[in-house]
Protein backbone atom coordinates (compact mmCIF):
# COMPACT_ATOMS: atom_id res chain seq x y z
CA UNK A 1 20.54 -24.10 -62.84
CA UNK A 2 19.64 -21.49 -65.40
CA UNK A 3 19.48 -21.42 -69.22
CA UNK A 4 20.68 -17.83 -69.07
CA UNK A 5 21.10 -15.46 -66.13
CA UNK A 6 17.82 -15.18 -64.24
CA UNK A 7 15.92 -17.72 -66.39
CA UNK A 8 15.43 -20.96 -64.46
CA UNK A 9 15.64 -24.31 -66.27
CA UNK A 10 14.07 -27.61 -65.28
CA UNK A 11 17.52 -29.15 -64.79
CA UNK A 12 18.82 -29.81 -61.29
CA UNK A 13 22.41 -30.66 -60.45
CA UNK A 14 23.25 -32.53 -57.23
CA UNK A 15 25.53 -30.88 -54.69
CA UNK A 16 29.20 -31.77 -55.05
CA UNK A 17 29.05 -32.12 -58.83
CA UNK A 18 32.16 -31.15 -60.77
CA UNK A 19 31.51 -28.48 -63.42
CA UNK A 20 33.85 -26.44 -65.61
CA UNK A 21 33.48 -22.71 -64.91
CA UNK A 22 33.77 -20.58 -68.05
CA UNK A 23 33.15 -16.98 -66.89
CA UNK A 24 30.55 -14.67 -65.36
CA UNK A 25 27.67 -12.50 -66.58
CA UNK A 26 27.93 -8.69 -66.60
CA UNK A 27 26.77 -8.45 -62.97
CA UNK A 28 29.02 -11.24 -61.66
CA UNK A 29 25.97 -12.83 -60.00
CA UNK A 30 25.93 -15.84 -62.36
CA UNK A 31 28.75 -18.06 -63.58
CA UNK A 32 28.52 -19.93 -66.87
CA UNK A 33 29.50 -23.59 -66.50
CA UNK A 34 30.01 -26.46 -68.91
CA UNK A 35 28.42 -29.80 -68.06
CA UNK A 36 28.09 -32.76 -70.44
CA UNK A 37 28.63 -30.61 -73.55
CA UNK A 38 25.98 -28.02 -72.56
CA UNK A 39 26.38 -24.55 -71.09
CA UNK A 40 24.37 -23.50 -68.03
CA UNK A 41 24.40 -20.62 -65.57
CA UNK A 42 24.60 -21.05 -61.82
CA UNK A 43 24.61 -18.46 -59.03
CA UNK A 44 28.24 -17.47 -58.48
CA UNK A 45 27.73 -17.80 -54.73
CA UNK A 46 26.83 -21.50 -55.18
CA UNK A 47 30.20 -22.63 -56.57
CA UNK A 48 33.83 -22.44 -55.55
CA UNK A 49 37.32 -23.55 -56.53
CA UNK A 50 38.52 -27.15 -56.42
CA UNK A 51 41.34 -27.70 -53.94
CA UNK A 52 42.38 -31.10 -55.35
CA UNK A 53 45.36 -31.52 -57.68
CA UNK A 54 45.91 -30.29 -60.34
CA UNK A 55 43.75 -27.19 -59.66
CA UNK A 56 45.00 -26.61 -56.10
CA UNK A 57 42.43 -23.92 -55.32
CA UNK A 58 43.02 -21.82 -58.43
CA UNK A 59 40.42 -19.03 -58.62
CA UNK A 60 37.46 -19.45 -60.93
CA UNK A 61 37.47 -17.45 -64.18
CA UNK A 62 36.03 -13.94 -63.95
CA UNK A 63 35.95 -13.08 -67.66
CA UNK A 64 32.58 -11.59 -68.64
CA UNK A 65 30.51 -13.79 -70.99
CA UNK A 66 28.09 -11.84 -73.18
């Protein structure tokens, strides 16, 4: 995970972890996520929608976070 787009942190999240997607950076390459009251950035290509109820595959937010 990243502290901000392109800046790697020491944190590592296991695969299959549930995160709350907030929005994307200006390029759309990174998505800001919320995990345990902290915000992180992950490559957009590394995450996807949740197909379980109640989300039922709803698309992830694409609002640009500055």
